[in-house]
């Protein structure tokens, strides 16, 4: 069996509840839909779906790209016809997969390259129907203390002051992709998140706080982690790393903006 290492960035933190909404409390349904929802698994333990948190991060990344370039490089795959590469019978401005298949039916490698070229910047990071995601967000579980307070018979326990653990892993990302993820994460940290509780009948308010970021850049670091030679995964991310990723993101956004302007000018002529 062959082993191929792919670099990783691990981001950890906590979702901290700031308001006193109660789980399963009977309360009139809120008019606005929540950003996240507290639900129970098959064993009865409370958690927040990692996929819903990832969707929030994707939305914030889309805001970052749209602010610099526009919708041409930041699609909305959750709306019919809004994907950068359309499939099925969806109508929209993006290219259709059938067109790509017709042009590159003789070469899988050329088809893969075309998919990467026509995919928006957000899809190349968070994935799509045709591209593998580079971001994994684990389900957010309560800390040991919070879990002990929530798993009793009385599930009307207030969520205020309780913490849910957050962990995201970026795999095999370029510098600009890491920068885009951190930009999205920064935007999410500045927001008050609405969390639906008890079938979303009542909403709590929470904030996301990042406590740690570290990276595994080599196979040796990865093996040392598996062997227990290191107390933590990889090495700490320093300010130089953050600045380089930010610079790479700005450069990539400028390149995409130039390409979008050229494409618009060519279409107009």
C-alpha atoms as a PDB file:
ATOM      1  CA  UNK A   1       0.000   0.000   0.000  1.00  0.00           C
ATOM      2  CA  UNK A   2       1.446   3.366  -1.021  1.00  0.00           C
ATOM      3  CA  UNK A   3       1.374   6.402   1.237  1.00  0.00           C
ATOM      4  CA  UNK A   4       1.072   9.918  -0.116  1.00  0.00           C
ATOM      5  CA  UNK A   5       1.205  12.755   2.370  1.00  0.00           C
ATOM      6  CA  UNK A   6      -0.839  15.895   1.826  1.00  0.00           C
ATOM      7  CA  UNK A   7      -0.185  19.032   3.869  1.00  0.00           C
ATOM      8  CA  UNK A   8      -2.730  20.048   6.473  1.00  0.00           C
ATOM      9  CA  UNK A   9      -3.737  23.088   8.472  1.00  0.00           C
ATOM     10  CA  UNK A  10      -5.727  22.437  11.649  1.00  0.00           C
ATOM     11  CA  UNK A  11      -7.864  25.199  13.151  1.00  0.00           C
ATOM     12  CA  UNK A  12      -9.500  24.696  16.550  1.00  0.00           C
ATOM     13  CA  UNK A  13     -11.719  26.826  18.729  1.00  0.00           C
ATOM     14  CA  UNK A  14     -15.050  26.993  20.508  1.00  0.00           C
ATOM     15  CA  UNK A  15     -18.575  28.121  19.794  1.00  0.00           C
ATOM     16  CA  UNK A  16     -19.536  30.043  22.933  1.00  0.00           C
ATOM     17  CA  UNK A  17     -23.220  30.625  23.727  1.00  0.00           C
ATOM     18  CA  UNK A  18     -23.920  34.169  24.865  1.00  0.00           C
ATOM     19  CA  UNK A  19     -27.689  34.099  25.421  1.00  0.00           C
ATOM     20  CA  UNK A  20     -29.896  31.928  27.593  1.00  0.00           C
ATOM     21  CA  UNK A  21     -32.042  30.059  25.078  1.00  0.00           C
ATOM     22  CA  UNK A  22     -33.073  26.629  26.318  1.00  0.00           C
ATOM     23  CA  UNK A  23     -32.854  23.328  24.487  1.00  0.00           C
ATOM     24  CA  UNK A  24     -36.310  21.885  23.674  1.00  0.00           C
ATOM     25  CA  UNK A  25     -38.034  24.801  25.365  1.00  0.00           C
ATOM     26  CA  UNK A  26     -41.561  25.447  24.117  1.00  0.00           C
ATOM     27  CA  UNK A  27     -41.545  28.869  22.567  1.00  0.00           C
ATOM     28  CA  UNK A  28     -43.135  30.544  19.532  1.00  0.00           C
ATOM     29  CA  UNK A  29     -41.130  29.898  16.375  1.00  0.00           C
ATOM     30  CA  UNK A  30     -38.708  32.694  15.502  1.00  0.00           C
ATOM     31  CA  UNK A  31     -39.378  34.580  12.293  1.00  0.00           C
ATOM     32  CA  UNK A  32     -35.769  34.356  11.058  1.00  0.00           C
ATOM     33  CA  UNK A  33     -34.145  31.044  10.269  1.00  0.00           C
ATOM     34  CA  UNK A  34     -31.085  30.278  12.423  1.00  0.00           C
ATOM     35  CA  UNK A  35     -27.513  30.045  11.168  1.00  0.00           C
ATOM     36  CA  UNK A  36     -26.974  26.746  12.997  1.00  0.00           C
ATOM     37  CA  UNK A  37     -29.077  24.219  14.893  1.00  0.00           C
ATOM     38  CA  UNK A  38     -28.467  22.151  18.011  1.00  0.00           C
ATOM     39  CA  UNK A  39     -29.637  18.589  17.377  1.00  0.00           C
ATOM     40  CA  UNK A  40     -29.214  15.189  19.030  1.00  0.00           C
ATOM     41  CA  UNK A  41     -27.446  12.117  17.674  1.00  0.00           C
ATOM     42  CA  UNK A  42     -28.681   8.537  17.965  1.00  0.00           C
ATOM     43  CA  UNK A  43     -27.286   8.253  21.498  1.00  0.00           C
ATOM     44  CA  UNK A  44     -29.132  11.360  22.651  1.00  0.00           C
ATOM     45  CA  UNK A  45     -26.085  13.640  22.875  1.00  0.00           C
ATOM     46  CA  UNK A  46     -26.324  17.193  21.591  1.00  0.00           C
ATOM     47  CA  UNK A  47     -24.203  18.481  18.703  1.00  0.00           C
ATOM     48  CA  UNK A  48     -24.099  20.991  15.838  1.00  0.00           C
ATOM     49  CA  UNK A  49     -23.573  19.657  12.337  1.00  0.00           C
ATOM     50  CA  UNK A  50     -20.138  20.390  10.890  1.00  0.00           C
ATOM     51  CA  UNK A  51     -21.655  20.665   7.413  1.00  0.00           C
ATOM     52  CA  UNK A  52     -23.837  23.590   8.539  1.00  0.00           C
ATOM     53  CA  UNK A  53     -20.798  25.390   9.950  1.00  0.00           C
ATOM     54  CA  UNK A  54     -18.918  24.712   6.712  1.00  0.00           C
ATOM     55  CA  UNK A  55     -21.817  26.214   4.760  1.00  0.00           C
ATOM     56  CA  UNK A  56     -21.520  29.401   6.838  1.00  0.00           C
ATOM     57  CA  UNK A  57     -17.789  29.558   6.136  1.00  0.00           C
ATOM     58  CA  UNK A  58     -18.447  29.082   2.428  1.00  0.00           C
ATOM     59  CA  UNK A  59     -20.931  31.968   2.472  1.00  0.00           C
ATOM     60  CA  UNK A  60     -18.363  34.233   4.131  1.00  0.00           C
ATOM     61  CA  UNK A  61     -15.700  33.199   1.592  1.00  0.00           C
ATOM     62  CA  UNK A  62     -18.154  34.062  -1.184  1.00  0.00           C
ATOM     63  CA  UNK A  63     -18.572  37.530   0.342  1.00  0.00           C
ATOM     64  CA  UNK A  64     -14.795  38.033   0.297  1.00  0.00           C
ATOM     65  CA  UNK A  65     -14.488  37.074  -3.378  1.00  0.00           C
ATOM     66  CA  UNK A  66     -17.585  38.990  -4.482  1.00  0.00           C
ATOM     67  CA  UNK A  67     -16.296  42.106  -2.754  1.00  0.00           C
ATOM     68  CA  UNK A  68     -13.204  42.039  -4.990  1.00  0.00           C
ATOM     69  CA  UNK A  69     -14.432  40.528  -8.235  1.00  0.00           C
ATOM     70  CA  UNK A  70     -18.162  39.868  -8.343  1.00  0.00           C
ATOM     71  CA  UNK A  71     -20.317  36.824  -8.813  1.00  0.00           C
ATOM     72  CA  UNK A  72     -18.320  35.530 -11.794  1.00  0.00           C
ATOM     73  CA  UNK A  73     -15.756  33.966  -9.451  1.00  0.00           C
ATOM     74  CA  UNK A  74     -18.038  33.196  -6.498  1.00  0.00           C
ATOM     75  CA  UNK A  75     -20.993  31.041  -7.467  1.00  0.00           C
ATOM     76  CA  UNK A  76     -23.967  30.042  -5.337  1.00  0.00           C
ATOM     77  CA  UNK A  77     -24.396  26.265  -5.819  1.00  0.00           C
ATOM     78  CA  UNK A  78     -27.376  26.116  -3.443  1.00  0.00           C
ATOM     79  CA  UNK A  79     -29.625  27.897  -5.962  1.00  0.00           C
ATOM     80  CA  UNK A  80     -30.699  26.288  -9.218  1.00  0.00           C
ATOM     81  CA  UNK A  81     -28.594  27.596 -12.066  1.00  0.00           C
ATOM     82  CA  UNK A  82     -26.252  29.394  -9.681  1.00  0.00           C
ATOM     83  CA  UNK A  83     -23.338  26.963  -9.909  1.00  0.00           C
ATOM     84  CA  UNK A  84     -20.230  27.954 -11.869  1.00  0.00           C
ATOM     85  CA  UNK A  85     -20.502  24.643 -13.776  1.00  0.00           C
ATOM     86  CA  UNK A  86     -24.127  23.696 -14.278  1.00  0.00           C
ATOM     87  CA  UNK A  87     -25.456  20.144 -14.319  1.00  0.00           C
ATOM     88  CA  UNK A  88     -28.848  18.614 -15.075  1.00  0.00           C
ATOM     89  CA  UNK A  89     -31.468  20.939 -16.569  1.00  0.00           C
ATOM     90  CA  UNK A  90     -30.405  24.022 -14.623  1.00  0.00           C
ATOM     91  CA  UNK A  91     -30.271  27.227 -16.670  1.00  0.00           C
ATOM     92  CA  UNK A  92     -27.855  30.003 -15.844  1.00  0.00           C
ATOM     93  CA  UNK A  93     -24.825  32.052 -16.908  1.00  0.00           C
ATOM     94  CA  UNK A  94     -22.176  29.406 -16.143  1.00  0.00           C
ATOM     95  CA  UNK A  95     -20.919  26.753 -18.535  1.00  0.00           C
ATOM     96  CA  UNK A  96     -22.785  23.437 -18.643  1.00  0.00           C
ATOM     97  CA  UNK A  97     -21.046  20.152 -17.941  1.00  0.00           C
ATOM     98  CA  UNK A  98     -22.379  18.741 -21.225  1.00  0.00           C
ATOM     99  CA  UNK A  99     -20.405  21.346 -23.178  1.00  0.00           C
ATOM    100  CA  UNK A 100     -17.214  20.389 -21.364  1.00  0.00           C
ATOM    101  CA  UNK A 101     -17.806  16.687 -21.911  1.00  0.00           C
ATOM    102  CA  UNK A 102     -18.333  17.300 -25.631  1.00  0.00           C
ATOM    103  CA  UNK A 103     -15.088  19.273 -25.908  1.00  0.00           C
ATOM    104  CA  UNK A 104     -12.893  16.960 -23.823  1.00  0.00           C
ATOM    105  CA  UNK A 105     -14.520  13.552 -24.232  1.00  0.00           C
ATOM    106  CA  UNK A 106     -11.239  12.015 -25.441  1.00  0.00           C
ATOM    107  CA  UNK A 107      -9.099  13.099 -22.501  1.00  0.00           C
ATOM    108  CA  UNK A 108      -9.938  12.746 -18.816  1.00  0.00           C
ATOM    109  CA  UNK A 109      -6.927  14.872 -17.934  1.00  0.00           C
ATOM    110  CA  UNK A 110      -8.088  17.743 -20.149  1.00  0.00           C
ATOM    111  CA  UNK A 111     -11.587  17.447 -18.677  1.00  0.00           C
ATOM    112  CA  UNK A 112     -10.178  17.673 -15.140  1.00  0.00           C
ATOM    113  CA  UNK A 113      -8.145  20.746 -16.120  1.00  0.00           C
ATOM    114  CA  UNK A 114     -11.233  22.359 -17.672  1.00  0.00           C
ATOM    115  CA  UNK A 115     -13.282  21.717 -14.529  1.00  0.00           C
ATOM    116  CA  UNK A 116     -10.596  23.367 -12.397  1.00  0.00           C
ATOM    117  CA  UNK A 117     -10.397  26.319 -14.817  1.00  0.00           C
ATOM    118  CA  UNK A 118     -14.140  27.016 -14.963  1.00  0.00           C
ATOM    119  CA  UNK A 119     -14.787  26.415 -11.259  1.00  0.00           C
ATOM    120  CA  UNK A 120     -15.024  29.567  -9.167  1.00  0.00           C
ATOM    121  CA  UNK A 121     -12.459  30.356  -6.479  1.00  0.00           C
ATOM    122  CA  UNK A 122     -14.851  29.349  -3.717  1.00  0.00           C
ATOM    123  CA  UNK A 123     -15.578  25.943  -5.259  1.00  0.00           C
ATOM    124  CA  UNK A 124     -11.880  25.169  -5.646  1.00  0.00           C
ATOM    125  CA  UNK A 125     -11.619  25.454  -1.858  1.00  0.00           C
ATOM    126  CA  UNK A 126     -14.967  24.229  -0.504  1.00  0.00           C
ATOM    127  CA  UNK A 127     -15.737  21.779  -3.303  1.00  0.00           C
ATOM    128  CA  UNK A 128     -18.711  21.210  -5.582  1.00  0.00           C
ATOM    129  CA  UNK A 129     -20.497  18.385  -7.374  1.00  0.00           C
ATOM    130  CA  UNK A 130     -17.437  18.073  -9.624  1.00  0.00           C
ATOM    131  CA  UNK A 131     -14.580  19.065  -7.312  1.00  0.00           C
ATOM    132  CA  UNK A 132     -13.281  17.504  -4.126  1.00  0.00           C
ATOM    133  CA  UNK A 133     -13.476  19.718  -1.056  1.00  0.00           C
ATOM    134  CA  UNK A 134     -10.283  20.792   0.664  1.00  0.00           C
ATOM    135  CA  UNK A 135     -12.067  21.788   3.877  1.00  0.00           C
ATOM    136  CA  UNK A 136     -13.391  19.393   6.506  1.00  0.00           C
ATOM    137  CA  UNK A 137     -15.327  20.684   9.522  1.00  0.00           C
ATOM    138  CA  UNK A 138     -16.068  18.220  12.301  1.00  0.00           C
ATOM    139  CA  UNK A 139     -19.386  18.161  14.122  1.00  0.00           C
ATOM    140  CA  UNK A 140     -19.304  20.598  17.028  1.00  0.00           C
ATOM    141  CA  UNK A 141     -19.695  18.711  20.308  1.00  0.00           C
ATOM    142  CA  UNK A 142     -20.116  20.242  23.767  1.00  0.00           C
ATOM    143  CA  UNK A 143     -17.143  20.330  26.105  1.00  0.00           C
ATOM    144  CA  UNK A 144     -17.136  17.657  28.808  1.00  0.00           C
ATOM    145  CA  UNK A 145     -18.682  20.080  31.311  1.00  0.00           C
ATOM    146  CA  UNK A 146     -21.382  21.277  28.927  1.00  0.00           C
ATOM    147  CA  UNK A 147     -22.191  17.717  27.843  1.00  0.00           C
ATOM    148  CA  UNK A 148     -22.682  16.620  31.444  1.00  0.00           C
ATOM    149  CA  UNK A 149     -25.116  19.482  31.947  1.00  0.00           C
ATOM    150  CA  UNK A 150     -27.080  18.701  28.785  1.00  0.00           C
ATOM    151  CA  UNK A 151     -27.453  14.911  28.855  1.00  0.00           C
ATOM    152  CA  UNK A 152     -29.685  14.627  31.896  1.00  0.00           C
ATOM    153  CA  UNK A 153     -33.412  14.060  31.875  1.00  0.00           C
ATOM    154  CA  UNK A 154     -34.191  17.763  31.957  1.00  0.00           C
ATOM    155  CA  UNK A 155     -33.265  18.978  28.477  1.00  0.00           C
ATOM    156  CA  UNK A 156     -34.490  22.502  29.127  1.00  0.00           C
ATOM    157  CA  UNK A 157     -31.029  23.328  30.469  1.00  0.00           C
ATOM    158  CA  UNK A 158     -29.923  26.783  29.403  1.00  0.00           C
ATOM    159  CA  UNK A 159     -27.146  26.947  26.812  1.00  0.00           C
ATOM    160  CA  UNK A 160     -25.776  30.249  28.071  1.00  0.00           C
ATOM    161  CA  UNK A 161     -22.071  30.024  28.905  1.00  0.00           C
ATOM    162  CA  UNK A 162     -21.663  26.572  27.402  1.00  0.00           C
ATOM    163  CA  UNK A 163     -19.028  25.826  24.781  1.00  0.00           C
ATOM    164  CA  UNK A 164     -19.094  23.563  21.735  1.00  0.00           C
ATOM    165  CA  UNK A 165     -15.717  22.479  20.321  1.00  0.00           C
ATOM    166  CA  UNK A 166     -14.836  23.582  16.758  1.00  0.00           C
ATOM    167  CA  UNK A 167     -12.233  21.868  14.552  1.00  0.00           C
ATOM    168  CA  UNK A 168     -11.555  22.395  10.839  1.00  0.00           C
ATOM    169  CA  UNK A 169      -8.861  20.792   8.693  1.00  0.00           C
ATOM    170  CA  UNK A 170      -7.554  22.202   5.393  1.00  0.00           C
ATOM    171  CA  UNK A 171      -5.907  19.593   3.184  1.00  0.00           C
ATOM    172  CA  UNK A 172      -3.436  20.187   0.343  1.00  0.00           C
ATOM    173  CA  UNK A 173      -4.281  23.880  -0.047  1.00  0.00           C
ATOM    174  CA  UNK A 174      -2.296  26.552  -1.844  1.00  0.00           C
ATOM    175  CA  UNK A 175      -1.357  29.694   0.055  1.00  0.00           C
ATOM    176  CA  UNK A 176      -4.204  31.756  -1.407  1.00  0.00           C
ATOM    177  CA  UNK A 177      -6.735  29.059  -0.498  1.00  0.00           C
ATOM    178  CA  UNK A 178      -5.517  29.081   3.078  1.00  0.00           C
ATOM    179  CA  UNK A 179      -5.782  32.855   3.025  1.00  0.00           C
ATOM    180  CA  UNK A 180      -9.354  32.702   1.717  1.00  0.00           C
ATOM    181  CA  UNK A 181     -10.369  30.266   4.448  1.00  0.00           C
ATOM    182  CA  UNK A 182      -8.865  32.447   7.171  1.00  0.00           C
ATOM    183  CA  UNK A 183     -10.544  35.541   5.690  1.00  0.00           C
ATOM    184  CA  UNK A 184     -13.888  33.718   5.800  1.00  0.00           C
ATOM    185  CA  UNK A 185     -13.161  32.560   9.344  1.00  0.00           C
ATOM    186  CA  UNK A 186     -12.348  36.122  10.396  1.00  0.00           C
ATOM    187  CA  UNK A 187     -15.674  37.366   9.041  1.00  0.00           C
ATOM    188  CA  UNK A 188     -17.524  34.614  10.859  1.00  0.00           C
ATOM    189  CA  UNK A 189     -15.811  35.484  14.129  1.00  0.00           C
ATOM    190  CA  UNK A 190     -17.106  39.061  13.981  1.00  0.00           C
ATOM    191  CA  UNK A 191     -20.740  37.945  13.702  1.00  0.00           C
ATOM    192  CA  UNK A 192     -23.291  36.949  16.296  1.00  0.00           C
ATOM    193  CA  UNK A 193     -24.535  33.535  15.187  1.00  0.00           C
ATOM    194  CA  UNK A 194     -28.133  32.504  15.735  1.00  0.00           C
ATOM    195  CA  UNK A 195     -28.455  28.901  16.879  1.00  0.00           C
ATOM    196  CA  UNK A 196     -31.818  27.142  16.783  1.00  0.00           C
ATOM    197  CA  UNK A 197     -32.637  25.009  19.829  1.00  0.00           C
ATOM    198  CA  UNK A 198     -35.337  22.399  20.334  1.00  0.00           C
ATOM    199  CA  UNK A 199     -36.554  22.062  16.769  1.00  0.00           C
ATOM    200  CA  UNK A 200     -35.533  25.694  16.128  1.00  0.00           C
ATOM    201  CA  UNK A 201     -38.469  26.912  18.245  1.00  0.00           C
ATOM    202  CA  UNK A 202     -36.128  29.165  20.167  1.00  0.00           C
ATOM    203  CA  UNK A 203     -32.837  30.744  19.216  1.00  0.00           C
ATOM    204  CA  UNK A 204     -29.662  31.347  21.176  1.00  0.00           C
ATOM    205  CA  UNK A 205     -26.844  33.716  20.258  1.00  0.00           C
ATOM    206  CA  UNK A 206     -23.280  32.418  20.028  1.00  0.00           C
ATOM    207  CA  UNK A 207     -19.843  33.572  18.904  1.00  0.00           C
ATOM    208  CA  UNK A 208     -17.010  31.594  17.346  1.00  0.00           C
ATOM    209  CA  UNK A 209     -13.649  31.948  19.069  1.00  0.00           C
ATOM    210  CA  UNK A 210     -10.483  30.488  17.509  1.00  0.00           C
ATOM    211  CA  UNK A 211      -7.950  29.282  20.063  1.00  0.00           C
ATOM    212  CA  UNK A 212      -5.303  27.510  17.994  1.00  0.00           C
ATOM    213  CA  UNK A 213      -3.904  27.092  14.478  1.00  0.00           C
ATOM    214  CA  UNK A 214      -1.142  24.714  13.492  1.00  0.00           C
ATOM    215  CA  UNK A 215       0.101  22.974  10.361  1.00  0.00           C
ATOM    216  CA  UNK A 216       1.615  19.676   9.239  1.00  0.00           C
ATOM    217  CA  UNK A 217       3.752  20.412   6.209  1.00  0.00           C
ATOM    218  CA  UNK A 218       5.839  17.240   5.920  1.00  0.00           C
ATOM    219  CA  UNK A 219       5.374  13.494   6.133  1.00  0.00           C
ATOM    220  CA  UNK A 220       7.901  13.433   8.957  1.00  0.00           C
ATOM    221  CA  UNK A 221       5.765  15.775  11.078  1.00  0.00           C
ATOM    222  CA  UNK A 222       2.749  13.586  10.357  1.00  0.00           C
ATOM    223  CA  UNK A 223       4.539  10.388  11.387  1.00  0.00           C
ATOM    224  CA  UNK A 224       5.858  12.020  14.555  1.00  0.00           C
ATOM    225  CA  UNK A 225       2.311  12.925  15.465  1.00  0.00           C
ATOM    226  CA  UNK A 226       1.131   9.350  14.894  1.00  0.00           C
ATOM    227  CA  UNK A 227       4.013   7.985  17.007  1.00  0.00           C
ATOM    228  CA  UNK A 228       3.182  10.354  19.841  1.00  0.00           C
ATOM    229  CA  UNK A 229       6.589  12.039  19.622  1.00  0.00           C
ATOM    230  CA  UNK A 230       4.822  15.391  19.496  1.00  0.00           C
ATOM    231  CA  UNK A 231       2.242  16.589  21.977  1.00  0.00           C
ATOM    232  CA  UNK A 232       0.272  18.251  19.193  1.00  0.00           C
ATOM    233  CA  UNK A 233      -0.211  18.018  15.452  1.00  0.00           C
ATOM    234  CA  UNK A 234       2.541  19.745  13.485  1.00  0.00           C
ATOM    235  CA  UNK A 235       3.839  23.226  14.338  1.00  0.00           C
ATOM    236  CA  UNK A 236       2.301  26.558  15.275  1.00  0.00           C
ATOM    237  CA  UNK A 237       1.354  28.949  12.495  1.00  0.00           C
ATOM    238  CA  UNK A 238       3.197  32.229  12.927  1.00  0.00           C
ATOM    239  CA  UNK A 239       2.528  35.746  11.718  1.00  0.00           C
ATOM    240  CA  UNK A 240       4.848  35.327   8.727  1.00  0.00           C
ATOM    241  CA  UNK A 241       2.742  32.412   7.514  1.00  0.00           C
ATOM    242  CA  UNK A 242      -0.469  34.417   7.913  1.00  0.00           C
ATOM    243  CA  UNK A 243       0.958  37.393   6.046  1.00  0.00           C
ATOM    244  CA  UNK A 244       2.202  35.237   3.170  1.00  0.00           C
ATOM    245  CA  UNK A 245      -1.205  33.551   2.827  1.00  0.00           C
ATOM    246  CA  UNK A 246      -2.935  36.928   2.861  1.00  0.00           C
ATOM    247  CA  UNK A 247      -0.571  38.266   0.192  1.00  0.00           C
ATOM    248  CA  UNK A 248      -1.134  35.147  -1.927  1.00  0.00           C
ATOM    249  CA  UNK A 249      -4.903  35.640  -1.628  1.00  0.00           C
ATOM    250  CA  UNK A 250      -4.713  39.306  -2.696  1.00  0.00           C
ATOM    251  CA  UNK A 251      -2.556  38.331  -5.694  1.00  0.00           C
ATOM    252  CA  UNK A 252      -4.980  35.580  -6.711  1.00  0.00           C
ATOM    253  CA  UNK A 253      -7.989  37.880  -6.410  1.00  0.00           C
ATOM    254  CA  UNK A 254      -6.259  40.500  -8.559  1.00  0.00           C
ATOM    255  CA  UNK A 255      -5.471  37.885 -11.200  1.00  0.00           C
ATOM    256  CA  UNK A 256      -9.075  36.706 -11.202  1.00  0.00           C
ATOM    257  CA  UNK A 257     -10.361  40.286 -11.412  1.00  0.00           C
ATOM    258  CA  UNK A 258      -8.097  40.992 -14.407  1.00  0.00           C
ATOM    259  CA  UNK A 259      -9.286  37.813 -16.110  1.00  0.00           C
ATOM    260  CA  UNK A 260     -12.918  38.741 -15.470  1.00  0.00           C
ATOM    261  CA  UNK A 261     -12.410  42.231 -16.932  1.00  0.00           C
ATOM    262  CA  UNK A 262     -10.714  40.799 -20.023  1.00  0.00           C
ATOM    263  CA  UNK A 263     -13.518  38.303 -20.511  1.00  0.00           C
ATOM    264  CA  UNK A 264     -16.140  41.039 -20.189  1.00  0.00           C
ATOM    265  CA  UNK A 265     -14.302  43.234 -22.709  1.00  0.00           C
ATOM    266  CA  UNK A 266     -13.986  40.344 -25.183  1.00  0.00           C
ATOM    267  CA  UNK A 267     -17.711  39.588 -24.879  1.00  0.00           C
ATOM    268  CA  UNK A 268     -18.615  43.233 -25.439  1.00  0.00           C
ATOM    269  CA  UNK A 269     -16.498  43.463 -28.607  1.00  0.00           C
END
